[in-house]
Amino acid sequence: MDISSDLTELGKTPVAVICAGVKSILDIPRTLEYLETQGVCVAAYKTNEFPAFFTESSGSKVKTETKKNKEANIKMKLGTGILIAVPIPREHSTSGHAIGSAIQKALKEAR
């Protein structure tokens, strides 16, 4: 299993990271599970579903609201980061199926 060092660092550094979600090519549920095991608070802005970078949703739920996560992290002095995902605006989003198909095609061609 290849784990990016930035995920591990989020478990050790009290920093807020704002992103458009996890890269679609990654295993999103596994990435979110790893962040949870590192103690990283994960939230999504105005939704309870984690976005998938090019799409508004990934099928993976987040457990708490952004505001509650931030306050809990600060009050408990966890020393871990918080990841806040902001979904791509609907007008710029594409379907998860289109992205998934493109990824599978690219992986097949790469092999």
N, C-alpha and C. Protein backbone atom coordinates (compact mmCIF):
# COMPACT_ATOMS: atom_id res chain seq x y z
N MET A 1 0.85 -1.18 0.00
CA MET A 1 0.00 0.00 0.00
C MET A 1 0.89 1.24 0.00
N ASP A 2 0.67 2.11 -0.95
CA ASP A 2 1.45 3.34 -1.08
C ASP A 2 0.68 4.48 -0.43
N ILE A 3 1.25 5.06 0.63
CA ILE A 3 0.59 6.14 1.36
C ILE A 3 1.42 7.40 1.23
N SER A 4 0.79 8.45 0.77
CA SER A 4 1.47 9.73 0.61
C SER A 4 1.87 10.29 1.98
N SER A 5 3.06 10.85 2.07
CA SER A 5 3.54 11.37 3.35
C SER A 5 2.70 12.53 3.87
N ASP A 6 1.98 13.23 2.97
CA ASP A 6 1.15 14.33 3.45
C ASP A 6 -0.01 13.83 4.30
N LEU A 7 -0.49 12.62 4.06
CA LEU A 7 -1.57 12.07 4.88
C LEU A 7 -1.07 11.78 6.28
N THR A 8 0.12 11.23 6.38
CA THR A 8 0.71 10.95 7.69
C THR A 8 1.00 12.26 8.43
N GLU A 9 1.50 13.24 7.71
CA GLU A 9 1.81 14.54 8.32
C GLU A 9 0.56 15.21 8.89
N LEU A 10 -0.58 15.05 8.22
CA LEU A 10 -1.83 15.63 8.73
C LEU A 10 -2.19 15.06 10.10
N GLY A 11 -1.73 13.86 10.38
CA GLY A 11 -1.98 13.25 11.68
C GLY A 11 -1.06 13.78 12.78
N LYS A 12 -0.05 14.57 12.39
CA LYS A 12 0.93 15.07 13.38
C LYS A 12 0.97 16.59 13.49
N THR A 13 0.35 17.29 12.55
CA THR A 13 0.51 18.74 12.49
C THR A 13 -0.85 19.43 12.57
N PRO A 14 -1.04 20.36 13.51
CA PRO A 14 -2.32 21.07 13.63
C PRO A 14 -2.47 22.14 12.54
N VAL A 15 -2.90 21.71 11.38
CA VAL A 15 -3.06 22.59 10.22
C VAL A 15 -4.41 22.29 9.57
N ALA A 16 -4.99 23.31 8.97
CA ALA A 16 -6.23 23.11 8.21
C ALA A 16 -5.88 23.07 6.73
N VAL A 17 -6.37 22.04 6.04
CA VAL A 17 -6.16 21.89 4.61
C VAL A 17 -7.52 21.95 3.93
N ILE A 18 -7.63 22.84 2.96
CA ILE A 18 -8.86 22.97 2.18
C ILE A 18 -8.58 22.37 0.81
N CYS A 19 -9.45 21.48 0.35
CA CYS A 19 -9.22 20.84 -0.95
C CYS A 19 -10.54 20.60 -1.66
N ALA A 20 -10.46 20.15 -2.90
CA ALA A 20 -11.64 19.82 -3.70
C ALA A 20 -11.97 18.34 -3.58
N GLY A 21 -11.36 17.66 -2.65
CA GLY A 21 -11.60 16.24 -2.47
C GLY A 21 -10.36 15.43 -2.81
N VAL A 22 -10.50 14.14 -2.70
CA VAL A 22 -9.41 13.23 -2.99
C VAL A 22 -9.34 13.01 -4.51
N LYS A 23 -8.15 12.85 -5.03
CA LYS A 23 -8.00 12.58 -6.46
C LYS A 23 -8.80 11.34 -6.84
N SER A 24 -9.51 11.43 -7.93
CA SER A 24 -10.42 10.37 -8.36
C SER A 24 -9.73 9.05 -8.61
N ILE A 25 -8.45 9.07 -8.93
CA ILE A 25 -7.73 7.83 -9.24
C ILE A 25 -7.42 7.02 -7.98
N LEU A 26 -7.53 7.65 -6.81
CA LEU A 26 -7.21 6.98 -5.55
C LEU A 26 -8.40 6.18 -5.03
N ASP A 27 -8.13 5.31 -4.09
CA ASP A 27 -9.17 4.58 -3.39
C ASP A 27 -9.69 5.51 -2.29
N ILE A 28 -10.77 6.20 -2.56
CA ILE A 28 -11.27 7.25 -1.66
C ILE A 28 -11.67 6.70 -0.30
N PRO A 29 -12.48 5.63 -0.22
CA PRO A 29 -12.83 5.12 1.12
C PRO A 29 -11.60 4.72 1.93
N ARG A 30 -10.62 4.12 1.29
CA ARG A 30 -9.41 3.70 2.00
C ARG A 30 -8.60 4.92 2.46
N THR A 31 -8.54 5.96 1.63
CA THR A 31 -7.84 7.18 2.01
C THR A 31 -8.49 7.83 3.22
N LEU A 32 -9.81 7.91 3.21
CA LEU A 32 -10.54 8.50 4.34
C LEU A 32 -10.37 7.65 5.60
N GLU A 33 -10.34 6.35 5.44
CA GLU A 33 -10.13 5.46 6.59
C GLU A 33 -8.73 5.68 7.18
N TYR A 34 -7.74 5.82 6.32
CA TYR A 34 -6.38 6.06 6.79
C TYR A 34 -6.31 7.38 7.57
N LEU A 35 -6.94 8.43 7.03
CA LEU A 35 -6.94 9.71 7.73
C LEU A 35 -7.59 9.58 9.10
N GLU A 36 -8.67 8.81 9.17
CA GLU A 36 -9.35 8.60 10.44
C GLU A 36 -8.43 7.90 11.43
N THR A 37 -7.67 6.90 10.98
CA THR A 37 -6.77 6.20 11.89
C THR A 37 -5.63 7.10 12.36
N GLN A 38 -5.33 8.15 11.59
CA GLN A 38 -4.30 9.11 11.98
C GLN A 38 -4.85 10.20 12.90
N GLY A 39 -6.16 10.17 13.16
CA GLY A 39 -6.78 11.16 14.03
C GLY A 39 -7.11 12.47 13.33
N VAL A 40 -7.09 12.46 12.00
CA VAL A 40 -7.37 13.68 11.24
C VAL A 40 -8.88 13.89 11.15
N CYS A 41 -9.33 15.07 11.52
CA CYS A 41 -10.73 15.42 11.37
C CYS A 41 -10.99 15.67 9.88
N VAL A 42 -12.00 15.01 9.34
CA VAL A 42 -12.34 15.16 7.92
C VAL A 42 -13.76 15.69 7.84
N ALA A 43 -13.94 16.75 7.06
CA ALA A 43 -15.25 17.36 6.91
C ALA A 43 -15.44 17.78 5.46
N ALA A 44 -16.69 18.02 5.10
CA ALA A 44 -17.01 18.53 3.77
C ALA A 44 -17.90 19.75 3.95
N TYR A 45 -17.70 20.74 3.10
CA TYR A 45 -18.41 22.01 3.20
C TYR A 45 -19.81 21.90 2.60
N LYS A 46 -20.82 22.18 3.41
CA LYS A 46 -22.23 22.20 3.03
C LYS A 46 -22.74 20.88 2.44
N THR A 47 -22.14 19.77 2.85
CA THR A 47 -22.58 18.46 2.41
C THR A 47 -22.09 17.42 3.41
N ASN A 48 -22.72 16.26 3.41
CA ASN A 48 -22.25 15.18 4.27
C ASN A 48 -21.55 14.10 3.45
N GLU A 49 -21.30 14.39 2.16
CA GLU A 49 -20.60 13.46 1.30
C GLU A 49 -19.28 14.05 0.83
N PHE A 50 -18.23 13.27 0.93
CA PHE A 50 -16.91 13.73 0.55
C PHE A 50 -16.82 13.84 -0.97
N PRO A 51 -16.36 14.98 -1.50
CA PRO A 51 -16.26 15.13 -2.95
C PRO A 51 -15.08 14.35 -3.54
N ALA A 52 -15.13 14.16 -4.86
CA ALA A 52 -14.09 13.38 -5.55
C ALA A 52 -13.37 14.23 -6.58
N PHE A 53 -13.00 15.42 -6.22
CA PHE A 53 -12.17 16.32 -7.02
C PHE A 53 -12.92 16.84 -8.25
N PHE A 54 -13.20 15.98 -9.23
CA PHE A 54 -13.89 16.41 -10.45
C PHE A 54 -15.40 16.27 -10.34
N THR A 55 -15.86 15.62 -9.28
CA THR A 55 -17.30 15.41 -9.09
C THR A 55 -17.70 15.90 -7.70
N GLU A 56 -18.97 16.22 -7.57
CA GLU A 56 -19.47 16.74 -6.28
C GLU A 56 -19.46 15.70 -5.18
N SER A 57 -19.56 14.43 -5.56
CA SER A 57 -19.64 13.39 -4.54
C SER A 57 -18.82 12.18 -4.94
N SER A 58 -18.46 11.40 -3.92
CA SER A 58 -17.66 10.20 -4.14
C SER A 58 -18.37 8.94 -3.69
N GLY A 59 -19.49 9.12 -3.00
CA GLY A 59 -20.17 7.97 -2.42
C GLY A 59 -19.71 7.71 -0.99
N SER A 60 -18.69 8.43 -0.54
CA SER A 60 -18.17 8.27 0.82
C SER A 60 -18.70 9.40 1.70
N LYS A 61 -19.29 9.03 2.80
CA LYS A 61 -19.86 10.01 3.72
C LYS A 61 -18.81 10.55 4.70
N VAL A 62 -19.01 11.79 5.12
CA VAL A 62 -18.23 12.34 6.23
C VAL A 62 -19.13 12.30 7.45
N LYS A 63 -18.51 12.19 8.62
CA LYS A 63 -19.30 11.93 9.83
C LYS A 63 -19.79 13.16 10.57
N THR A 64 -19.10 14.30 10.41
CA THR A 64 -19.50 15.48 11.16
C THR A 64 -19.42 16.73 10.31
N GLU A 65 -19.99 17.79 10.84
CA GLU A 65 -19.98 19.07 10.15
C GLU A 65 -18.63 19.77 10.30
N THR A 66 -18.33 20.65 9.35
CA THR A 66 -17.07 21.40 9.35
C THR A 66 -16.88 22.16 10.66
N LYS A 67 -17.86 22.92 11.06
CA LYS A 67 -17.73 23.77 12.25
C LYS A 67 -17.47 22.93 13.50
N LYS A 68 -18.20 21.84 13.66
CA LYS A 68 -18.03 21.00 14.83
C LYS A 68 -16.64 20.36 14.86
N ASN A 69 -16.15 19.91 13.72
CA ASN A 69 -14.81 19.31 13.65
C ASN A 69 -13.75 20.30 14.09
N LYS A 70 -13.79 21.51 13.55
CA LYS A 70 -12.79 22.52 13.86
C LYS A 70 -12.78 22.84 15.34
N GLU A 71 -13.96 23.06 15.90
CA GLU A 71 -14.06 23.40 17.32
C GLU A 71 -13.57 22.26 18.20
N ALA A 72 -13.92 21.02 17.86
CA ALA A 72 -13.50 19.86 18.65
C ALA A 72 -11.98 19.71 18.60
N ASN A 73 -11.41 19.88 17.44
CA ASN A 73 -9.96 19.75 17.28
C ASN A 73 -9.23 20.77 18.14
N ILE A 74 -9.70 22.01 18.14
CA ILE A 74 -9.07 23.08 18.92
C ILE A 74 -9.25 22.84 20.42
N LYS A 75 -10.49 22.55 20.85
CA LYS A 75 -10.77 22.38 22.28
C LYS A 75 -10.03 21.20 22.89
N MET A 76 -9.92 20.11 22.13
CA MET A 76 -9.27 18.92 22.67
C MET A 76 -7.76 18.95 22.48
N LYS A 77 -7.26 19.98 21.79
CA LYS A 77 -5.81 20.13 21.56
C LYS A 77 -5.21 18.82 21.03
N LEU A 78 -5.84 18.31 19.97
CA LEU A 78 -5.43 17.03 19.42
C LEU A 78 -4.05 17.06 18.77
N GLY A 79 -3.65 18.21 18.23
CA GLY A 79 -2.36 18.28 17.57
C GLY A 79 -2.37 17.65 16.19
N THR A 80 -3.56 17.37 15.68
CA THR A 80 -3.68 16.80 14.34
C THR A 80 -4.30 17.84 13.42
N GLY A 81 -4.22 17.56 12.14
CA GLY A 81 -4.80 18.46 11.16
C GLY A 81 -6.28 18.23 10.96
N ILE A 82 -6.86 19.11 10.17
CA ILE A 82 -8.25 18.97 9.77
C ILE A 82 -8.28 19.14 8.25
N LEU A 83 -9.00 18.27 7.59
CA LEU A 83 -9.14 18.31 6.14
C LEU A 83 -10.57 18.71 5.82
N ILE A 84 -10.72 19.83 5.13
CA ILE A 84 -12.04 20.32 4.76
C ILE A 84 -12.16 20.27 3.24
N ALA A 85 -13.08 19.47 2.77
CA ALA A 85 -13.28 19.33 1.33
C ALA A 85 -14.43 20.21 0.88
N VAL A 86 -14.19 20.97 -0.16
CA VAL A 86 -15.21 21.85 -0.74
C VAL A 86 -15.52 21.30 -2.13
N PRO A 87 -16.74 20.83 -2.35
CA PRO A 87 -17.08 20.24 -3.64
C PRO A 87 -16.94 21.23 -4.79
N ILE A 88 -16.55 20.71 -5.94
CA ILE A 88 -16.48 21.51 -7.15
C ILE A 88 -17.90 22.04 -7.46
N PRO A 89 -18.06 23.25 -7.92
CA PRO A 89 -19.40 23.76 -8.24
C PRO A 89 -20.08 22.86 -9.29
N ARG A 90 -21.36 22.66 -9.10
CA ARG A 90 -22.14 21.76 -9.97
C ARG A 90 -21.92 22.04 -11.45
N GLU A 91 -21.84 23.33 -11.83
CA GLU A 91 -21.71 23.67 -13.26
C GLU A 91 -20.35 23.25 -13.84
N HIS A 92 -19.38 22.95 -12.98
CA HIS A 92 -18.07 22.52 -13.45
C HIS A 92 -17.82 21.04 -13.19
N SER A 93 -18.78 20.39 -12.56
CA SER A 93 -18.65 18.99 -12.19
C SER A 93 -18.94 18.08 -13.38
N THR A 94 -18.39 16.89 -13.34
CA THR A 94 -18.69 15.87 -14.33
C THR A 94 -19.24 14.66 -13.60
N SER A 95 -19.73 13.68 -14.32
CA SER A 95 -20.31 12.50 -13.67
C SER A 95 -19.20 11.58 -13.18
N GLY A 96 -19.46 10.91 -12.09
CA GLY A 96 -18.50 9.94 -11.55
C GLY A 96 -18.24 8.82 -12.54
N HIS A 97 -19.27 8.45 -13.31
CA HIS A 97 -19.12 7.39 -14.30
C HIS A 97 -18.13 7.80 -15.38
N ALA A 98 -18.22 9.03 -15.86
CA ALA A 98 -17.31 9.51 -16.92
C ALA A 98 -15.87 9.50 -16.42
N ILE A 99 -15.65 9.95 -15.21
CA ILE A 99 -14.30 9.97 -14.64
C ILE A 99 -13.80 8.54 -14.43
N GLY A 100 -14.66 7.70 -13.86
CA GLY A 100 -14.28 6.30 -13.62
C GLY A 100 -13.90 5.59 -14.91
N SER A 101 -14.66 5.81 -15.96
CA SER A 101 -14.36 5.19 -17.26
C SER A 101 -13.03 5.69 -17.80
N ALA A 102 -12.79 6.99 -17.70
CA ALA A 102 -11.53 7.56 -18.19
C ALA A 102 -10.34 7.00 -17.42
N ILE A 103 -10.49 6.85 -16.11
CA ILE A 103 -9.42 6.30 -15.28
C ILE A 103 -9.14 4.85 -15.66
N GLN A 104 -10.18 4.05 -15.80
CA GLN A 104 -10.00 2.65 -16.17
C GLN A 104 -9.32 2.52 -17.55
N LYS A 105 -9.72 3.36 -18.50
CA LYS A 105 -9.12 3.34 -19.83
C LYS A 105 -7.65 3.70 -19.75
N ALA A 106 -7.32 4.74 -18.97
CA ALA A 106 -5.93 5.17 -18.83
C ALA A 106 -5.07 4.09 -18.16
N LEU A 107 -5.62 3.43 -17.15
CA LEU A 107 -4.87 2.36 -16.48
C LEU A 107 -4.63 1.19 -17.42
N LYS A 108 -5.62 0.86 -18.22
CA LYS A 108 -5.48 -0.22 -19.19
C LYS A 108 -4.40 0.13 -20.23
N GLU A 109 -4.43 1.36 -20.72
CA GLU A 109 -3.43 1.80 -21.70
C GLU A 109 -2.03 1.84 -21.08
N ALA A 110 -1.94 2.20 -19.83
CA ALA A 110 -0.64 2.27 -19.16
C ALA A 110 -0.02 0.88 -19.00
N ARG A 111 -0.88 -0.11 -18.78
CA ARG A 111 -0.38 -1.50 -18.64
C ARG A 111 0.21 -1.95 -19.95
